[in-house]
N, C-alpha and C. Protein backbone atom coordinates (compact mmCIF):
# COMPACT_ATOMS: atom_id res chain seq x y z
N UNK A 1 37.62 -32.50 -23.66
CA UNK A 1 37.80 -32.59 -22.24
C UNK A 1 37.80 -31.11 -21.62
N UNK A 2 37.08 -30.94 -20.50
CA UNK A 2 36.92 -29.64 -19.89
C UNK A 2 37.94 -29.26 -18.98
N UNK A 3 38.26 -28.01 -19.04
CA UNK A 3 39.52 -27.42 -18.21
C UNK A 3 39.30 -27.48 -16.82
N UNK A 4 40.15 -27.74 -15.92
CA UNK A 4 39.87 -27.68 -14.55
C UNK A 4 40.20 -26.33 -13.93
N UNK A 5 39.26 -25.77 -13.34
CA UNK A 5 39.38 -24.37 -12.73
C UNK A 5 39.74 -24.59 -11.26
N UNK A 6 40.86 -23.95 -10.94
CA UNK A 6 41.37 -24.15 -9.46
C UNK A 6 40.78 -22.93 -8.64
N UNK A 7 41.07 -21.77 -9.16
CA UNK A 7 40.40 -20.60 -8.23
C UNK A 7 40.51 -19.35 -9.32
N UNK A 8 39.51 -18.55 -8.95
CA UNK A 8 39.25 -17.31 -9.78
C UNK A 8 38.99 -17.64 -11.10
N UNK A 9 38.47 -18.84 -11.45
CA UNK A 9 38.30 -19.10 -12.82
C UNK A 9 39.48 -19.17 -13.78
N UNK A 10 40.62 -19.49 -13.09
CA UNK A 10 41.81 -19.66 -13.69
C UNK A 10 42.07 -21.09 -14.32
N UNK A 11 42.32 -21.25 -15.25
CA UNK A 11 42.77 -22.65 -15.69
C UNK A 11 44.24 -22.95 -15.61
N UNK A 12 44.56 -24.31 -15.73
CA UNK A 12 45.88 -24.69 -15.44
C UNK A 12 46.90 -23.94 -16.28
N UNK A 13 46.53 -23.72 -17.66
CA UNK A 13 47.51 -22.95 -18.54
C UNK A 13 47.67 -21.43 -17.83
N UNK A 14 46.62 -20.84 -17.67
CA UNK A 14 46.90 -19.43 -17.16
C UNK A 14 47.52 -19.38 -15.86
N UNK A 15 47.34 -20.33 -14.92
CA UNK A 15 48.21 -20.39 -13.76
C UNK A 15 49.59 -20.65 -14.00
N UNK A 16 49.88 -21.47 -15.05
CA UNK A 16 51.26 -21.68 -15.42
C UNK A 16 51.98 -20.47 -15.79
N UNK A 17 51.20 -19.68 -16.78
CA UNK A 17 51.73 -18.45 -17.26
C UNK A 17 52.02 -17.34 -16.02
N UNK A 18 51.03 -17.38 -14.90
CA UNK A 18 51.33 -16.58 -13.84
C UNK A 18 52.52 -16.91 -13.13
N UNK A 19 52.85 -18.22 -12.87
CA UNK A 19 53.89 -18.54 -12.23
C UNK A 19 55.21 -18.24 -13.01
N UNK A 20 55.20 -18.50 -14.45
CA UNK A 20 56.32 -18.20 -15.15
C UNK A 20 56.56 -16.71 -15.21
N UNK A 21 55.63 -15.91 -15.04
CA UNK A 21 55.71 -14.52 -15.08
C UNK A 21 56.46 -14.10 -13.73
N UNK A 22 55.94 -14.59 -12.72
CA UNK A 22 56.60 -14.40 -11.37
C UNK A 22 57.90 -14.78 -11.29
N UNK A 23 58.31 -16.03 -11.78
CA UNK A 23 59.63 -16.51 -11.83
C UNK A 23 60.62 -15.46 -12.52
N UNK A 24 60.06 -15.12 -13.78
CA UNK A 24 60.93 -14.21 -14.54
C UNK A 24 61.10 -12.78 -13.88
N UNK A 25 60.00 -12.37 -13.27
CA UNK A 25 60.02 -10.99 -12.79
C UNK A 25 61.00 -11.02 -11.41
N UNK A 26 60.89 -12.04 -10.66
CA UNK A 26 61.60 -11.99 -9.15
C UNK A 26 62.76 -12.78 -9.20
N UNK A 27 62.81 -13.75 -10.06
CA UNK A 27 63.91 -14.71 -10.05
C UNK A 27 63.66 -15.94 -8.97
N UNK A 28 64.45 -16.89 -9.43
CA UNK A 28 64.26 -18.15 -8.52
C UNK A 28 64.59 -18.12 -7.12
N UNK A 29 65.57 -17.12 -6.92
CA UNK A 29 66.08 -16.99 -5.47
C UNK A 29 65.11 -16.34 -4.55
N UNK A 30 64.14 -15.36 -5.08
CA UNK A 30 63.33 -14.55 -4.36
C UNK A 30 61.95 -15.50 -4.06
N UNK A 31 61.65 -16.46 -4.85
CA UNK A 31 60.44 -17.04 -4.65
C UNK A 31 60.26 -17.74 -3.35
N UNK A 32 61.20 -18.43 -2.83
CA UNK A 32 61.09 -18.92 -1.39
C UNK A 32 60.65 -17.89 -0.38
N UNK A 33 61.44 -16.73 -0.56
CA UNK A 33 61.15 -15.77 0.46
C UNK A 33 59.63 -15.39 0.36
N UNK A 34 59.17 -15.23 -0.69
CA UNK A 34 57.83 -14.70 -0.90
C UNK A 34 56.90 -15.83 -0.32
N UNK A 35 57.18 -17.06 -0.63
CA UNK A 35 56.53 -18.27 -0.18
C UNK A 35 56.46 -18.19 1.45
N UNK A 36 57.55 -17.89 2.02
CA UNK A 36 57.63 -17.96 3.44
C UNK A 36 56.83 -16.79 4.10
N UNK A 37 56.84 -15.68 3.32
CA UNK A 37 56.17 -14.48 3.91
C UNK A 37 54.62 -14.80 3.78
N UNK A 38 54.41 -15.24 2.69
CA UNK A 38 52.95 -15.66 2.29
C UNK A 38 52.32 -16.55 3.41
N UNK A 39 53.16 -17.51 3.78
CA UNK A 39 52.86 -18.63 4.81
C UNK A 39 52.53 -17.98 6.12
N UNK A 40 53.50 -17.01 6.43
CA UNK A 40 53.38 -16.25 7.75
C UNK A 40 52.20 -15.55 7.84
N UNK A 41 51.93 -14.72 6.64
CA UNK A 41 50.67 -13.98 6.48
C UNK A 41 49.46 -14.96 6.73
N UNK A 42 49.33 -15.94 5.95
CA UNK A 42 48.17 -16.83 6.23
C UNK A 42 48.06 -17.30 7.53
N UNK A 43 49.20 -17.59 8.34
CA UNK A 43 49.16 -18.23 9.65
C UNK A 43 48.70 -17.05 10.56
N UNK A 44 49.03 -15.84 10.28
CA UNK A 44 48.68 -14.68 11.18
C UNK A 44 47.19 -14.36 10.95
N UNK A 45 46.54 -14.55 9.78
CA UNK A 45 45.12 -14.49 9.60
C UNK A 45 44.37 -15.59 10.30
N UNK A 46 44.94 -16.73 10.11
CA UNK A 46 44.38 -17.93 10.82
C UNK A 46 44.21 -17.90 12.22
N UNK A 47 45.44 -17.31 12.72
CA UNK A 47 45.35 -17.27 14.37
C UNK A 47 44.46 -16.08 14.62
N UNK A 48 44.33 -14.93 13.98
CA UNK A 48 43.45 -13.85 14.32
C UNK A 48 41.98 -14.41 14.15
N UNK A 49 41.64 -15.25 13.22
CA UNK A 49 40.27 -15.75 13.06
C UNK A 49 39.91 -16.60 14.30
N UNK A 50 40.93 -17.33 14.61
CA UNK A 50 40.63 -18.26 15.81
C UNK A 50 40.41 -17.40 17.08
N UNK A 51 41.28 -16.44 17.33
CA UNK A 51 41.11 -15.62 18.37
C UNK A 51 39.69 -14.88 18.45
N UNK A 52 39.28 -14.33 17.19
CA UNK A 52 38.01 -13.63 17.08
C UNK A 52 36.86 -14.63 17.44
N UNK A 53 36.84 -15.88 16.96
CA UNK A 53 36.02 -16.90 17.24
C UNK A 53 35.88 -17.31 18.76
N UNK A 54 37.01 -17.52 19.41
CA UNK A 54 37.11 -17.68 20.81
C UNK A 54 36.51 -16.53 21.57
N UNK A 55 36.73 -15.23 21.30
CA UNK A 55 36.01 -14.19 21.96
C UNK A 55 34.64 -14.21 21.82
N UNK A 56 34.06 -14.59 20.63
CA UNK A 56 32.68 -14.61 20.39
C UNK A 56 32.00 -15.66 21.11
N UNK A 57 32.73 -16.86 21.12
CA UNK A 57 32.25 -18.05 22.01
C UNK A 57 32.33 -17.69 23.51
N UNK A 58 33.40 -17.10 23.94
CA UNK A 58 33.20 -16.66 25.49
C UNK A 58 32.11 -15.74 25.78
N UNK A 59 31.93 -14.62 24.88
CA UNK A 59 30.86 -13.78 25.01
C UNK A 59 29.55 -14.39 25.16
N UNK A 60 29.23 -15.40 24.24
CA UNK A 60 27.87 -15.93 24.01
C UNK A 60 27.86 -16.84 25.44
N UNK A 61 29.01 -17.59 25.86
CA UNK A 61 28.89 -18.36 27.07
C UNK A 61 28.42 -17.39 28.28
N UNK A 62 29.10 -16.30 28.47
CA UNK A 62 28.76 -15.40 29.38
C UNK A 62 27.20 -14.84 29.35
N UNK A 63 26.79 -14.68 28.40
CA UNK A 63 25.27 -14.22 28.15
C UNK A 63 24.38 -15.35 28.62
N UNK A 64 24.80 -16.56 28.11
CA UNK A 64 23.98 -17.80 28.40
C UNK A 64 24.07 -17.83 30.09
N UNK A 65 25.20 -17.65 30.67
CA UNK A 65 25.31 -17.79 32.15
C UNK A 65 24.30 -16.86 32.90
N UNK A 66 24.32 -15.58 32.31
CA UNK A 66 23.35 -14.43 32.78
C UNK A 66 21.92 -14.81 32.53
N UNK A 67 21.58 -15.26 31.41
CA UNK A 67 20.05 -15.61 30.91
C UNK A 67 19.56 -16.94 31.57
N UNK A 68 20.38 -17.97 31.70
CA UNK A 68 19.89 -19.35 32.15
C UNK A 68 19.11 -19.24 33.50
N UNK A 69 19.56 -18.54 34.52
CA UNK A 69 18.79 -18.59 35.83
C UNK A 69 17.44 -17.88 35.67
N UNK A 70 17.37 -16.87 34.92
CA UNK A 70 16.01 -16.37 34.60
C UNK A 70 15.13 -17.20 33.74
N UNK A 71 15.68 -17.90 32.88
CA UNK A 71 14.74 -18.99 32.08
C UNK A 71 14.31 -20.22 32.94
N UNK A 72 15.17 -20.49 33.90
CA UNK A 72 14.93 -21.77 34.89
C UNK A 72 13.76 -21.28 35.86
N UNK A 73 13.91 -19.86 36.31
CA UNK A 73 12.81 -19.25 36.97
C UNK A 73 11.46 -19.28 36.36
N UNK A 74 11.51 -18.94 35.13
CA UNK A 74 10.37 -18.76 34.36
C UNK A 74 9.84 -20.23 34.07
N UNK A 75 10.52 -21.07 33.80
CA UNK A 75 10.05 -22.52 33.57
C UNK A 75 9.32 -23.02 34.96
N UNK A 76 9.90 -22.72 36.00
CA UNK A 76 9.36 -23.20 37.43
C UNK A 76 8.07 -22.63 37.56
N UNK A 77 7.82 -21.33 37.26
CA UNK A 77 6.62 -20.57 37.27
C UNK A 77 5.43 -21.29 36.51
N UNK A 78 5.93 -21.40 35.15
CA UNK A 78 5.01 -22.21 34.16
C UNK A 78 4.58 -23.51 34.73
N UNK A 79 5.44 -24.20 35.29
CA UNK A 79 5.24 -25.52 35.69
C UNK A 79 4.33 -25.54 36.83
N UNK A 80 4.50 -24.56 37.85
CA UNK A 80 3.69 -24.44 39.06
C UNK A 80 2.23 -24.10 38.65
N UNK A 81 2.28 -23.23 37.65
CA UNK A 81 0.68 -22.78 37.17
C UNK A 81 -0.05 -23.92 36.51
N UNK A 82 0.78 -24.77 35.69
CA UNK A 82 0.14 -25.80 35.06
C UNK A 82 -0.42 -26.95 36.15
N UNK A 83 0.45 -26.95 37.09
CA UNK A 83 0.09 -28.01 38.18
C UNK A 83 -1.33 -27.69 38.95
N UNK A 84 -1.47 -26.32 39.03
CA UNK A 84 -2.67 -25.85 39.61
C UNK A 84 -3.74 -25.90 38.71
N UNK A 85 -3.66 -25.95 37.48
CA UNK A 85 -4.77 -26.19 36.48
C UNK A 85 -5.48 -27.36 36.62
């Protein structure tokens, strides 16, 4: 049976030993605090990523608004030239 690799090429047994080491090093009382801090950090990163994505989308939308009238003018000119041919 092949081992299941969860992340960073670590198997289930290796992850168990990491958790056991953390438990022995920090104690059972500190682990919930670390988990809360980790959750807050992940949430902060997720919010920052969403903010960056929305800023990029808004910038692209602004550029499209500036460029679209020029493109429609060019299309009209091309259509007029094609009608004359």
